[in-house]
Protein backbone atom coordinates (compact mmCIF):
# COMPACT_ATOMS: atom_id res chain seq x y z
CA UNK A 1 115.79 -239.77 -33.31
CA UNK A 2 114.19 -237.33 -35.18
CA UNK A 3 115.02 -236.14 -39.05
CA UNK A 4 113.16 -232.11 -39.67
CA UNK A 5 113.09 -230.66 -42.64
CA UNK A 6 112.13 -226.55 -43.23
CA UNK A 7 110.63 -227.23 -46.34
CA UNK A 8 106.48 -229.06 -46.25
CA UNK A 9 107.11 -231.30 -48.99
CA UNK A 10 107.74 -235.21 -49.29
CA UNK A 11 111.23 -235.33 -46.80
CA UNK A 12 113.78 -236.14 -49.11
CA UNK A 13 111.88 -235.21 -52.47
CA UNK A 14 115.68 -234.94 -54.01
CA UNK A 15 116.43 -238.45 -53.35
CA UNK A 16 116.35 -240.93 -56.67
CA UNK A 17 113.07 -242.70 -57.55
CA UNK A 18 114.21 -245.50 -57.29
CA UNK A 19 116.18 -245.54 -53.90
CA UNK A 20 114.57 -242.76 -51.80
CA UNK A 21 111.83 -244.60 -51.02
CA UNK A 22 114.03 -247.28 -49.53
CA UNK A 23 116.17 -245.14 -47.17
CA UNK A 24 112.69 -243.33 -45.65
CA UNK A 25 111.38 -247.17 -44.85
CA UNK A 26 114.64 -247.80 -43.89
CA UNK A 27 114.60 -245.01 -41.48
CA UNK A 28 111.29 -245.19 -40.46
CA UNK A 29 111.32 -249.08 -39.49
CA UNK A 30 113.95 -247.58 -37.20
CA UNK A 31 111.46 -245.43 -35.23
CA UNK A 32 113.02 -242.42 -36.89
CA UNK A 33 110.44 -239.93 -36.29
CA UNK A 34 109.49 -237.25 -39.43
CA UNK A 35 109.12 -233.60 -39.02
CA UNK A 36 108.10 -231.11 -41.84
CA UNK A 37 107.55 -227.55 -42.14
CA UNK A 38 109.72 -227.02 -39.40
CA UNK A 39 111.24 -223.52 -38.25
CA UNK A 40 114.46 -223.94 -36.57
CA UNK A 41 114.49 -221.06 -32.96
CA UNK A 42 117.29 -221.85 -30.44
CA UNK A 43 119.30 -224.62 -29.12
CA UNK A 44 119.99 -224.57 -25.26
CA UNK A 45 119.99 -227.23 -22.70
CA UNK A 46 116.27 -227.63 -22.60
CA UNK A 47 116.72 -228.69 -26.37
CA UNK A 48 115.49 -227.60 -29.69
CA UNK A 49 113.39 -225.24 -30.15
CA UNK A 50 111.38 -225.48 -33.04
CA UNK A 51 107.83 -224.43 -34.30
CA UNK A 52 106.19 -226.71 -36.40
CA UNK A 53 102.74 -225.30 -38.21
CA UNK A 54 103.08 -222.60 -35.81
CA UNK A 55 102.91 -224.55 -32.43
CA UNK A 56 106.20 -223.98 -30.59
CA UNK A 57 108.06 -227.07 -29.79
CA UNK A 58 110.64 -228.35 -27.86
CA UNK A 59 112.79 -231.40 -28.20
CA UNK A 60 114.70 -232.97 -26.04
CA UNK A 61 118.42 -233.75 -27.51
CA UNK A 62 121.78 -234.77 -26.55
CA UNK A 63 123.31 -234.25 -30.15
CA UNK A 64 122.04 -231.58 -33.20
CA UNK A 65 123.09 -232.40 -36.72
CA UNK A 66 122.61 -229.55 -38.46
CA UNK A 67 122.59 -229.61 -42.54
CA UNK A 68 121.01 -226.38 -43.57
CA UNK A 69 122.17 -225.61 -46.80
CA UNK A 70 124.92 -223.53 -48.80
CA UNK A 71 125.83 -220.42 -50.05
CA UNK A 72 127.74 -219.08 -53.14
CA UNK A 73 131.23 -217.80 -52.00
CA UNK A 74 132.36 -215.59 -54.91
CA UNK A 75 134.25 -213.45 -51.97
CA UNK A 76 137.36 -213.84 -54.59
CA UNK A 77 135.74 -213.91 -57.98
CA UNK A 78 135.55 -209.97 -58.79
CA UNK A 79 139.30 -209.97 -57.32
CA UNK A 80 140.90 -212.24 -59.68
CA UNK A 81 138.92 -210.92 -62.26
CA UNK A 82 140.59 -207.30 -61.95
CA UNK A 83 144.00 -209.01 -61.78
CA UNK A 84 144.04 -211.00 -65.12
CA UNK A 85 142.96 -214.87 -64.24
CA UNK A 86 140.53 -216.93 -66.12
CA UNK A 87 137.87 -217.69 -63.91
CA UNK A 88 135.16 -220.46 -64.28
CA UNK A 89 132.87 -220.66 -61.76
CA UNK A 90 130.82 -224.08 -60.70
CA UNK A 91 128.94 -226.35 -58.60
CA UNK A 92 127.36 -224.33 -55.34
CA UNK A 93 129.51 -220.89 -56.28
CA UNK A 94 127.19 -221.24 -59.70
CA UNK A 95 123.84 -221.64 -58.43
CA UNK A 96 123.39 -222.32 -54.26
CA UNK A 97 120.44 -224.78 -54.39
CA UNK A 98 119.73 -227.68 -53.07
CA UNK A 99 123.24 -229.81 -52.32
CA UNK A 100 123.22 -231.25 -55.78
CA UNK A 101 127.15 -233.21 -56.64
CA UNK A 102 125.71 -234.13 -59.53
CA UNK A 103 125.20 -230.65 -61.35
CA UNK A 104 128.80 -229.43 -60.13
CA UNK A 105 130.38 -232.12 -61.66
CA UNK A 106 128.02 -231.83 -64.60
CA UNK A 107 129.45 -228.61 -64.68
CA UNK A 108 133.04 -229.46 -64.32
CA UNK A 109 133.82 -232.15 -67.07
CA UNK A 110 132.21 -230.02 -69.32
CA UNK A 111 134.20 -226.93 -68.45
CA UNK A 112 137.23 -229.34 -68.61
CA UNK A 113 136.45 -230.72 -71.68
CA UNK A 114 136.31 -227.30 -72.89
CA UNK A 115 139.77 -225.88 -71.77
């Protein structure tokens, strides 16, 4: 099993300081290979094609799980505002960054308290 990351920094750096190391250690003990600084190229019958530090690699895989971040989706925002609907934007629609449920919950809670 491989855990690949586009960033070159420590895997799981955004995890809690008191728990992140536990998750990394557990995965490592179970034989998970960690690879940082990966550029994803394609998936085909040969496997998952990536580039790591400028070097192309093919990882033979049976399954691939992609967790590639998020994008803000504000398709209806202008339309709703133009229709006179009161609209509030929170969470990933507000700032598409690393998945940050804590920030989204905080924004939603603060907004709810003002309504």
